[in-house]
C-alpha atoms as a PDB file:
ATOM      1  CA  MET A   1     -83.645  42.463   9.342  1.00  0.00           C
ATOM      2  CA  GLY A   2     -80.941  43.907   7.099  1.00  0.00           C
ATOM      3  CA  ARG A   3     -77.293  44.393   7.866  1.00  0.00           C
ATOM      4  CA  PRO A   4     -76.602  47.322  10.234  1.00  0.00           C
ATOM      5  CA  ALA A   5     -75.619  50.599   8.616  1.00  0.00           C
ATOM      6  CA  PRO A   6     -73.740  52.544  11.349  1.00  0.00           C
ATOM      7  CA  ALA A   7     -70.337  52.138   9.690  1.00  0.00           C
ATOM      8  CA  ALA A   8     -71.658  53.574   6.458  1.00  0.00           C
ATOM      9  CA  ARG A   9     -72.762  56.622   8.386  1.00  0.00           C
ATOM     10  CA  GLY A  10     -69.352  57.085   9.908  1.00  0.00           C
ATOM     11  CA  VAL A  11     -70.463  56.336  13.461  1.00  0.00           C
ATOM     12  CA  SER A  12     -68.210  54.158  15.614  1.00  0.00           C
ATOM     13  CA  GLY A  13     -69.716  51.232  17.477  1.00  0.00           C
ATOM     14  CA  SER A  14     -69.251  52.756  20.924  1.00  0.00           C
ATOM     15  CA  ALA A  15     -70.616  56.124  19.780  1.00  0.00           C
ATOM     16  CA  LEU A  16     -73.685  54.461  18.301  1.00  0.00           C
ATOM     17  CA  GLU A  17     -74.222  52.444  21.484  1.00  0.00           C
ATOM     18  CA  ALA A  18     -74.035  55.620  23.592  1.00  0.00           C
ATOM     19  CA  GLU A  19     -76.509  57.373  21.324  1.00  0.00           C
ATOM     20  CA  LEU A  20     -78.908  54.449  21.424  1.00  0.00           C
ATOM     21  CA  LEU A  21     -78.672  54.165  25.198  1.00  0.00           C
ATOM     22  CA  ASP A  22     -79.513  57.841  25.554  1.00  0.00           C
ATOM     23  CA  VAL A  23     -82.567  57.368  23.348  1.00  0.00           C
ATOM     24  CA  ALA A  24     -83.558  54.182  25.196  1.00  0.00           C
ATOM     25  CA  CYS A  25     -83.489  55.949  28.557  1.00  0.00           C
ATOM     26  CA  ALA A  26     -85.506  58.873  27.204  1.00  0.00           C
ATOM     27  CA  ALA A  27     -88.082  56.490  25.732  1.00  0.00           C
ATOM     28  CA  ALA A  28     -88.388  54.527  28.979  1.00  0.00           C
ATOM     29  CA  ARG A  29     -88.878  57.741  30.954  1.00  0.00           C
ATOM     30  CA  ALA A  30     -91.579  58.907  28.536  1.00  0.00           C
ATOM     31  CA  ALA A  31     -93.439  55.630  29.054  1.00  0.00           C
ATOM     32  CA  ALA A  32     -92.968  55.821  32.825  1.00  0.00           C
ATOM     33  CA  ALA A  33     -94.555  59.274  32.898  1.00  0.00           C
ATOM     34  CA  GLU A  34     -97.687  57.895  31.247  1.00  0.00           C
ATOM     35  CA  LEU A  35     -97.817  54.942  33.621  1.00  0.00           C
ATOM     36  CA  LEU A  36     -97.273  56.922  36.801  1.00  0.00           C
ATOM     37  CA  GLU A  37     -99.887  59.488  35.795  1.00  0.00           C
ATOM     38  CA  ARG A  38    -102.478  56.694  35.518  1.00  0.00           C
ATOM     39  CA  TYR A  39    -101.274  54.494  38.364  1.00  0.00           C
ATOM     40  CA  GLU A  40    -103.705  55.551  41.092  1.00  0.00           C
ATOM     41  CA  ARG A  41    -106.685  55.865  38.779  1.00  0.00           C
ATOM     42  CA  THR A  42    -109.279  53.226  38.017  1.00  0.00           C
ATOM     43  CA  ALA A  43    -107.908  51.206  35.129  1.00  0.00           C
ATOM     44  CA  GLN A  44    -109.415  52.023  31.736  1.00  0.00           C
ATOM     45  CA  GLY A  45    -109.714  50.007  28.537  1.00  0.00           C
ATOM     46  CA  VAL A  46    -108.791  46.693  30.154  1.00  0.00           C
ATOM     47  CA  ASP A  47    -108.911  43.803  27.699  1.00  0.00           C
ATOM     48  CA  THR A  48    -107.310  40.358  27.458  1.00  0.00           C
ATOM     49  CA  LYS A  49    -104.816  38.885  24.997  1.00  0.00           C
ATOM     50  CA  THR A  50    -103.600  35.282  25.108  1.00  0.00           C
ATOM     51  CA  SER A  51    -105.875  34.227  27.972  1.00  0.00           C
ATOM     52  CA  ALA A  52    -108.338  35.589  30.531  1.00  0.00           C
ATOM     53  CA  THR A  53    -105.399  36.164  32.902  1.00  0.00           C
ATOM     54  CA  ASP A  54    -103.257  38.092  30.356  1.00  0.00           C
ATOM     55  CA  PRO A  55    -104.554  41.687  30.440  1.00  0.00           C
ATOM     56  CA  VAL A  56    -103.766  44.855  28.529  1.00  0.00           C
ATOM     57  CA  SER A  57    -105.000  48.332  29.421  1.00  0.00           C
ATOM     58  CA  ASP A  58    -105.033  51.893  28.158  1.00  0.00           C
ATOM     59  CA  ALA A  59    -101.939  52.457  30.317  1.00  0.00           C
ATOM     60  CA  ASP A  60     -99.985  49.857  28.307  1.00  0.00           C
ATOM     61  CA  ARG A  61    -101.129  51.409  25.042  1.00  0.00           C
ATOM     62  CA  ALA A  62    -100.380  54.986  26.083  1.00  0.00           C
ATOM     63  CA  ALA A  63     -96.923  54.012  27.340  1.00  0.00           C
ATOM     64  CA  GLU A  64     -96.038  52.262  24.074  1.00  0.00           C
ATOM     65  CA  GLN A  65     -97.349  55.187  22.056  1.00  0.00           C
ATOM     66  CA  ALA A  66     -95.077  57.514  24.046  1.00  0.00           C
ATOM     67  CA  ILE A  67     -92.106  55.291  23.230  1.00  0.00           C
ATOM     68  CA  ARG A  68     -92.995  55.088  19.551  1.00  0.00           C
ATOM     69  CA  ALA A  69     -93.479  58.842  19.289  1.00  0.00           C
ATOM     70  CA  LEU A  70     -90.053  59.523  20.774  1.00  0.00           C
ATOM     71  CA  LEU A  71     -88.371  56.936  18.554  1.00  0.00           C
ATOM     72  CA  ALA A  72     -90.071  58.347  15.459  1.00  0.00           C
ATOM     73  CA  GLN A  73     -88.647  61.746  16.341  1.00  0.00           C
ATOM     74  CA  ARG A  74     -85.122  60.746  17.297  1.00  0.00           C
ATOM     75  CA  ARG A  75     -84.533  57.518  15.322  1.00  0.00           C
ATOM     76  CA  PRO A  76     -86.926  57.551  12.323  1.00  0.00           C
ATOM     77  CA  GLY A  77     -84.798  55.070  10.373  1.00  0.00           C
ATOM     78  CA  ASP A  78     -85.175  52.292  12.932  1.00  0.00           C
ATOM     79  CA  ALA A  79     -87.700  49.454  13.057  1.00  0.00           C
ATOM     80  CA  ILE A  80     -89.738  48.812  16.204  1.00  0.00           C
ATOM     81  CA  LEU A  81     -91.079  45.635  17.808  1.00  0.00           C
ATOM     82  CA  GLY A  82     -93.491  46.426  20.628  1.00  0.00           C
ATOM     83  CA  GLU A  83     -95.626  44.155  22.763  1.00  0.00           C
ATOM     84  CA  GLU A  84     -98.808  46.075  22.018  1.00  0.00           C
ATOM     85  CA  GLY A  85     -98.193  47.505  18.541  1.00  0.00           C
ATOM     86  CA  GLY A  86     -96.342  44.619  16.939  1.00  0.00           C
ATOM     87  CA  GLU A  87     -93.530  45.180  14.449  1.00  0.00           C
ATOM     88  CA  THR A  88     -93.279  48.260  12.263  1.00  0.00           C
ATOM     89  CA  ALA A  89     -90.686  49.235   9.696  1.00  0.00           C
ATOM     90  CA  ALA A  90     -88.585  52.397   9.733  1.00  0.00           C
ATOM     91  CA  ALA A  91     -90.743  55.520   9.796  1.00  0.00           C
ATOM     92  CA  ASP A  92     -88.788  57.169   6.980  1.00  0.00           C
ATOM     93  CA  GLY A  93     -88.576  54.035   4.837  1.00  0.00           C
ATOM     94  CA  GLN A  94     -84.760  53.986   5.057  1.00  0.00           C
ATOM     95  CA  SER A  95     -83.722  51.243   7.447  1.00  0.00           C
ATOM     96  CA  THR A  96     -80.585  51.672   9.568  1.00  0.00           C
ATOM     97  CA  GLY A  97     -80.479  47.992  10.522  1.00  0.00           C
ATOM     98  CA  VAL A  98     -81.391  48.881  14.121  1.00  0.00           C
ATOM     99  CA  ARG A  99     -84.570  47.539  15.681  1.00  0.00           C
ATOM    100  CA  TRP A 100     -86.107  48.609  18.982  1.00  0.00           C
ATOM    101  CA  VAL A 101     -87.653  45.904  21.162  1.00  0.00           C
ATOM    102  CA  VAL A 102     -89.938  47.467  23.749  1.00  0.00           C
ATOM    103  CA  ASP A 103     -92.228  46.386  26.541  1.00  0.00           C
ATOM    104  CA  PRO A 104     -94.042  49.531  27.676  1.00  0.00           C
ATOM    105  CA  LEU A 105     -95.343  47.866  30.830  1.00  0.00           C
ATOM    106  CA  ASP A 106     -93.837  44.573  31.908  1.00  0.00           C
ATOM    107  CA  GLY A 107     -95.985  43.319  34.753  1.00  0.00           C
ATOM    108  CA  THR A 108     -99.430  44.570  33.746  1.00  0.00           C
ATOM    109  CA  VAL A 109    -101.219  42.362  36.280  1.00  0.00           C
ATOM    110  CA  ASN A 110     -99.058  43.803  39.057  1.00  0.00           C
ATOM    111  CA  TYR A 111     -99.725  47.331  37.774  1.00  0.00           C
ATOM    112  CA  LEU A 112    -103.496  46.790  37.763  1.00  0.00           C
ATOM    113  CA  TYR A 113    -103.400  45.312  41.281  1.00  0.00           C
ATOM    114  CA  ARG A 114    -101.066  48.106  42.521  1.00  0.00           C
ATOM    115  CA  TYR A 115     -98.488  45.437  43.345  1.00  0.00           C
ATOM    116  CA  PRO A 116     -95.194  47.358  43.129  1.00  0.00           C
ATOM    117  CA  GLN A 117     -93.207  45.112  40.798  1.00  0.00           C
ATOM    118  CA  TRP A 118     -93.547  46.354  37.226  1.00  0.00           C
ATOM    119  CA  SER A 119     -91.215  48.059  34.806  1.00  0.00           C
ATOM    120  CA  VAL A 120     -90.525  49.541  31.392  1.00  0.00           C
ATOM    121  CA  SER A 121     -88.066  47.718  29.115  1.00  0.00           C
ATOM    122  CA  VAL A 122     -86.474  49.313  26.050  1.00  0.00           C
ATOM    123  CA  ALA A 123     -83.690  47.768  23.965  1.00  0.00           C
ATOM    124  CA  ALA A 124     -82.030  48.447  20.608  1.00  0.00           C
ATOM    125  CA  GLU A 125     -80.575  45.585  18.592  1.00  0.00           C
ATOM    126  CA  ASP A 126     -78.828  44.886  15.312  1.00  0.00           C
ATOM    127  CA  ALA A 127     -77.999  41.675  13.475  1.00  0.00           C
ATOM    128  CA  GLY A 128     -75.384  40.884  16.146  1.00  0.00           C
ATOM    129  CA  GLY A 129     -77.712  41.180  19.150  1.00  0.00           C
ATOM    130  CA  THR A 130     -78.616  43.862  21.662  1.00  0.00           C
ATOM    131  CA  LEU A 131     -76.694  47.126  21.388  1.00  0.00           C
ATOM    132  CA  ALA A 132     -78.205  49.025  24.310  1.00  0.00           C
ATOM    133  CA  GLY A 133     -80.953  48.452  26.824  1.00  0.00           C
ATOM    134  CA  VAL A 134     -82.647  49.900  29.873  1.00  0.00           C
ATOM    135  CA  VAL A 135     -85.036  48.537  32.482  1.00  0.00           C
ATOM    136  CA  LEU A 136     -86.726  51.343  34.390  1.00  0.00           C
ATOM    137  CA  ASP A 137     -88.528  50.818  37.694  1.00  0.00           C
ATOM    138  CA  PRO A 138     -90.802  53.890  37.808  1.00  0.00           C
ATOM    139  CA  LEU A 139     -92.026  53.466  41.383  1.00  0.00           C
ATOM    140  CA  ARG A 140     -88.494  53.285  42.801  1.00  0.00           C
ATOM    141  CA  GLY A 141     -87.080  55.730  40.272  1.00  0.00           C
ATOM    142  CA  GLU A 142     -84.322  53.216  39.527  1.00  0.00           C
ATOM    143  CA  GLU A 143     -82.853  52.880  36.042  1.00  0.00           C
ATOM    144  CA  LEU A 144     -80.660  49.899  35.111  1.00  0.00           C
ATOM    145  CA  ALA A 145     -78.922  50.203  31.766  1.00  0.00           C
ATOM    146  CA  ALA A 146     -76.024  48.941  29.665  1.00  0.00           C
ATOM    147  CA  THR A 147     -74.534  48.906  26.194  1.00  0.00           C
ATOM    148  CA  ARG A 148     -72.973  45.991  24.384  1.00  0.00           C
ATOM    149  CA  SER A 149     -69.441  47.146  25.227  1.00  0.00           C
ATOM    150  CA  GLY A 150     -69.999  49.130  28.433  1.00  0.00           C
ATOM    151  CA  PRO A 151     -70.530  48.415  32.140  1.00  0.00           C
ATOM    152  CA  LEU A 152     -73.762  47.802  33.977  1.00  0.00           C
ATOM    153  CA  LEU A 153     -75.160  51.192  35.026  1.00  0.00           C
ATOM    154  CA  ARG A 154     -77.546  52.158  37.787  1.00  0.00           C
ATOM    155  CA  ASP A 155     -78.948  55.657  37.421  1.00  0.00           C
ATOM    156  CA  GLY A 156     -76.086  56.452  35.059  1.00  0.00           C
ATOM    157  CA  ALA A 157     -73.227  55.299  37.308  1.00  0.00           C
ATOM    158  CA  PRO A 158     -71.276  52.029  36.962  1.00  0.00           C
ATOM    159  CA  VAL A 159     -72.390  49.321  39.363  1.00  0.00           C
ATOM    160  CA  GLY A 160     -69.741  47.787  41.604  1.00  0.00           C
ATOM    161  CA  ALA A 161     -69.871  44.433  43.328  1.00  0.00           C
ATOM    162  CA  PRO A 162     -73.286  43.346  44.692  1.00  0.00           C
ATOM    163  CA  ALA A 163     -74.015  44.513  48.239  1.00  0.00           C
ATOM    164  CA  ALA A 164     -74.309  40.858  49.262  1.00  0.00           C
ATOM    165  CA  PRO A 165     -71.841  38.394  47.698  1.00  0.00           C
ATOM    166  CA  ARG A 166     -73.443  36.042  45.199  1.00  0.00           C
ATOM    167  CA  ALA A 167     -74.027  32.509  46.380  1.00  0.00           C
ATOM    168  CA  ALA A 168     -71.120  30.201  45.643  1.00  0.00           C
ATOM    169  CA  THR A 169     -73.307  27.095  45.562  1.00  0.00           C
ATOM    170  CA  LEU A 170     -76.870  26.521  44.442  1.00  0.00           C
ATOM    171  CA  ASP A 171     -78.104  25.275  47.812  1.00  0.00           C
ATOM    172  CA  VAL A 172     -77.762  28.787  49.296  1.00  0.00           C
ATOM    173  CA  ALA A 173     -78.861  30.667  46.151  1.00  0.00           C
ATOM    174  CA  LEU A 174     -81.969  32.848  45.947  1.00  0.00           C
ATOM    175  CA  VAL A 175     -83.503  32.187  42.532  1.00  0.00           C
ATOM    176  CA  ALA A 176     -86.196  34.094  40.605  1.00  0.00           C
ATOM    177  CA  THR A 177     -88.645  32.677  38.096  1.00  0.00           C
ATOM    178  CA  GLY A 178     -91.976  33.353  36.419  1.00  0.00           C
ATOM    179  CA  LEU A 179     -95.026  31.388  35.299  1.00  0.00           C
ATOM    180  CA  ALA A 180     -96.874  31.278  31.988  1.00  0.00           C
ATOM    181  CA  TYR A 181    -100.485  32.388  31.498  1.00  0.00           C
ATOM    182  CA  ASP A 182    -101.602  29.037  30.045  1.00  0.00           C
ATOM    183  CA  ALA A 183    -102.895  26.734  32.798  1.00  0.00           C
ATOM    184  CA  GLY A 184    -101.484  23.583  31.213  1.00  0.00           C
ATOM    185  CA  VAL A 185     -98.026  25.097  30.908  1.00  0.00           C
ATOM    186  CA  ARG A 186     -98.208  26.348  34.493  1.00  0.00           C
ATOM    187  CA  ALA A 187     -98.930  22.816  35.687  1.00  0.00           C
ATOM    188  CA  ARG A 188     -95.756  21.582  33.974  1.00  0.00           C
ATOM    189  CA  GLN A 189     -93.799  24.515  35.368  1.00  0.00           C
ATOM    190  CA  ALA A 190     -95.033  23.607  38.845  1.00  0.00           C
ATOM    191  CA  ALA A 191     -93.515  20.147  38.424  1.00  0.00           C
ATOM    192  CA  VAL A 192     -90.156  21.714  37.541  1.00  0.00           C
ATOM    193  CA  LEU A 193     -90.465  24.081  40.479  1.00  0.00           C
ATOM    194  CA  ARG A 194     -90.914  21.098  42.812  1.00  0.00           C
ATOM    195  CA  GLU A 195     -87.603  19.773  41.533  1.00  0.00           C
ATOM    196  CA  VAL A 196     -85.812  23.077  42.054  1.00  0.00           C
ATOM    197  CA  ILE A 197     -87.053  24.069  45.516  1.00  0.00           C
ATOM    198  CA  PRO A 198     -85.170  21.407  47.533  1.00  0.00           C
ATOM    199  CA  HIS A 199     -81.890  22.426  45.884  1.00  0.00           C
ATOM    200  CA  VAL A 200     -81.941  26.213  46.471  1.00  0.00           C
ATOM    201  CA  ARG A 201     -82.241  28.661  49.347  1.00  0.00           C
ATOM    202  CA  ASP A 202     -85.618  29.872  48.086  1.00  0.00           C
ATOM    203  CA  VAL A 203     -87.513  30.961  44.983  1.00  0.00           C
ATOM    204  CA  ARG A 204     -89.059  34.350  44.196  1.00  0.00           C
ATOM    205  CA  ARG A 205     -91.813  34.981  41.652  1.00  0.00           C
ATOM    206  CA  GLY A 206     -92.132  38.726  41.025  1.00  0.00           C
ATOM    207  CA  GLY A 207     -94.235  39.125  37.892  1.00  0.00           C
ATOM    208  CA  SER A 208     -91.997  41.325  35.737  1.00  0.00           C
ATOM    209  CA  ALA A 209     -89.381  39.337  33.831  1.00  0.00           C
ATOM    210  CA  ALA A 210     -87.487  42.488  32.870  1.00  0.00           C
ATOM    211  CA  LEU A 211     -87.222  43.542  36.501  1.00  0.00           C
ATOM    212  CA  ASP A 212     -86.288  40.006  37.591  1.00  0.00           C
ATOM    213  CA  LEU A 213     -83.382  40.090  35.131  1.00  0.00           C
ATOM    214  CA  ALA A 214     -82.327  43.569  36.243  1.00  0.00           C
ATOM    215  CA  TRP A 215     -82.322  42.450  39.867  1.00  0.00           C
ATOM    216  CA  THR A 216     -80.365  39.328  38.938  1.00  0.00           C
ATOM    217  CA  ALA A 217     -77.778  41.560  37.277  1.00  0.00           C
ATOM    218  CA  LEU A 218     -77.587  43.614  40.488  1.00  0.00           C
ATOM    219  CA  GLY A 219     -77.268  40.546  42.719  1.00  0.00           C
ATOM    220  CA  ARG A 220     -80.601  41.026  44.475  1.00  0.00           C
ATOM    221  CA  VAL A 221     -81.263  37.445  43.456  1.00  0.00           C
ATOM    222  CA  ASP A 222     -78.533  35.014  42.480  1.00  0.00           C
ATOM    223  CA  ALA A 223     -80.077  33.527  39.337  1.00  0.00           C
ATOM    224  CA  TYR A 224     -83.191  33.539  37.165  1.00  0.00           C
ATOM    225  CA  TRP A 225     -85.010  31.246  34.768  1.00  0.00           C
ATOM    226  CA  GLU A 226     -88.349  31.496  33.034  1.00  0.00           C
ATOM    227  CA  ARG A 227     -90.158  29.909  30.109  1.00  0.00           C
ATOM    228  CA  GLY A 228     -92.656  31.593  27.827  1.00  0.00           C
ATOM    229  CA  VAL A 229     -90.953  34.974  27.845  1.00  0.00           C
ATOM    230  CA  LYS A 230     -91.048  37.076  24.669  1.00  0.00           C
ATOM    231  CA  ALA A 231     -88.296  39.142  23.083  1.00  0.00           C
ATOM    232  CA  TRP A 232     -89.650  42.369  24.574  1.00  0.00           C
ATOM    233  CA  ASP A 233     -89.626  40.845  28.073  1.00  0.00           C
ATOM    234  CA  VAL A 234     -85.941  39.976  28.076  1.00  0.00           C
ATOM    235  CA  ALA A 235     -84.051  41.955  25.406  1.00  0.00           C
ATOM    236  CA  ALA A 236     -82.868  44.672  27.791  1.00  0.00           C
ATOM    237  CA  GLY A 237     -82.628  42.559  30.943  1.00  0.00           C
ATOM    238  CA  ALA A 238     -80.533  39.873  29.298  1.00  0.00           C
ATOM    239  CA  LEU A 239     -78.000  42.504  28.234  1.00  0.00           C
ATOM    240  CA  LEU A 240     -77.820  43.787  31.820  1.00  0.00           C
ATOM    241  CA  CYS A 241     -77.056  40.274  33.047  1.00  0.00           C
ATOM    242  CA  ALA A 242     -74.417  39.736  30.372  1.00  0.00           C
ATOM    243  CA  ARG A 243     -72.647  42.968  31.290  1.00  0.00           C
ATOM    244  CA  ALA A 244     -72.755  41.883  34.956  1.00  0.00           C
ATOM    245  CA  GLY A 245     -70.740  38.784  34.017  1.00  0.00           C
ATOM    246  CA  LEU A 246     -73.560  36.252  34.170  1.00  0.00           C
ATOM    247  CA  GLU A 247     -74.058  33.340  31.807  1.00  0.00           C
ATOM    248  CA  LEU A 248     -77.144  33.345  29.588  1.00  0.00           C
ATOM    249  CA  HIS A 249     -78.659  30.072  28.381  1.00  0.00           C
ATOM    250  CA  LEU A 250     -81.599  29.599  26.047  1.00  0.00           C
ATOM    251  CA  LEU A 251     -84.023  26.940  27.262  1.00  0.00           C
ATOM    252  CA  PRO A 252     -85.398  25.016  24.273  1.00  0.00           C
ATOM    253  CA  ALA A 253     -89.079  24.125  24.185  1.00  0.00           C
ATOM    254  CA  ALA A 254     -89.638  20.721  25.782  1.00  0.00           C
ATOM    255  CA  ASP A 255     -92.224  18.571  27.540  1.00  0.00           C
ATOM    256  CA  GLY A 256     -95.137  20.791  26.523  1.00  0.00           C
ATOM    257  CA  MET A 257     -93.403  23.945  27.738  1.00  0.00           C
ATOM    258  CA  PRO A 258     -92.257  26.879  25.575  1.00  0.00           C
ATOM    259  CA  ASP A 259     -88.674  27.996  25.269  1.00  0.00           C
ATOM    260  CA  GLY A 260     -87.152  30.369  27.783  1.00  0.00           C
ATOM    261  CA  LEU A 261     -84.073  31.955  29.283  1.00  0.00           C
ATOM    262  CA  LEU A 262     -81.739  31.288  32.206  1.00  0.00           C
ATOM    263  CA  ALA A 263     -79.295  33.795  33.685  1.00  0.00           C
ATOM    264  CA  ALA A 264     -76.853  32.758  36.397  1.00  0.00           C
ATOM    265  CA  PRO A 265     -73.259  33.102  37.570  1.00  0.00           C
ATOM    266  CA  PRO A 266     -70.915  30.506  36.042  1.00  0.00           C
ATOM    267  CA  ALA A 267     -70.693  28.674  39.379  1.00  0.00           C
ATOM    268  CA  LEU A 268     -74.467  28.082  39.436  1.00  0.00           C
ATOM    269  CA  ALA A 269     -75.491  27.966  35.798  1.00  0.00           C
ATOM    270  CA  GLY A 270     -74.785  24.334  34.981  1.00  0.00           C
ATOM    271  CA  GLU A 271     -76.511  22.846  38.012  1.00  0.00           C
ATOM    272  CA  LEU A 272     -79.574  25.084  37.703  1.00  0.00           C
ATOM    273  CA  LEU A 273     -79.770  24.402  33.981  1.00  0.00           C
ATOM    274  CA  ALA A 274     -79.879  20.679  34.657  1.00  0.00           C
ATOM    275  CA  LEU A 275     -82.708  21.104  37.163  1.00  0.00           C
ATOM    276  CA  VAL A 276     -84.948  23.223  34.915  1.00  0.00           C
ATOM    277  CA  SER A 277     -84.369  21.267  31.693  1.00  0.00           C
ATOM    278  CA  PRO A 278     -86.818  18.357  31.381  1.00  0.00           C
END
């Protein structure tokens, strides 16, 4: 990706971030409308991707198309990386240096089972990282968003301290995680999970990495780690956690497991990192 061009256009960093966040929220809402409209119907066009347990449906495709259509209209000079459509260059052939990283439906299995933990994730990034991002929970109508230099926002308003104080020590921390689709990787993840469980209050496995990160940012869980996540799963959620004051750690691939991400308060990060790193 080329160097970002906002300065050449005379747009300040904070102004660009605000513009991108506005577009991100609009794109997420457009996707949510497609998903909600199909939610109670029989699923159509269901296929599989990386394994028999990794589905995609017409709902995923329609939601991503809604995002891409809005971005083409409002930000034609930006590149797009989407879970379903892959990576595409700027629609007008003149790159701004901004790339959108989008997951139109994070938690497809949950969506197909009507299990209410799925979300839409939309983020904009440049060569320096994520500029703006939003994780939208359509069923709850809850929108978590942030920019690189702004506060964590819930439904457009700054978020204060978590309703429940974050755990000060790992032994009383509620921790979220996820599991890969590959059976062999899951077996290795289960071994790590056995190491973690005795050292924490409890573990939650929701099924939408983007929503897990958003809830970690809000303090609904104290920390999160997961391996096998893709850029579109975590681009927005990781920014939310960073703006909430959490540490982010990349987990390098090891012991037959793919790389991943950990988000935790400084008081918990080191100990949890040691437990989940083979």
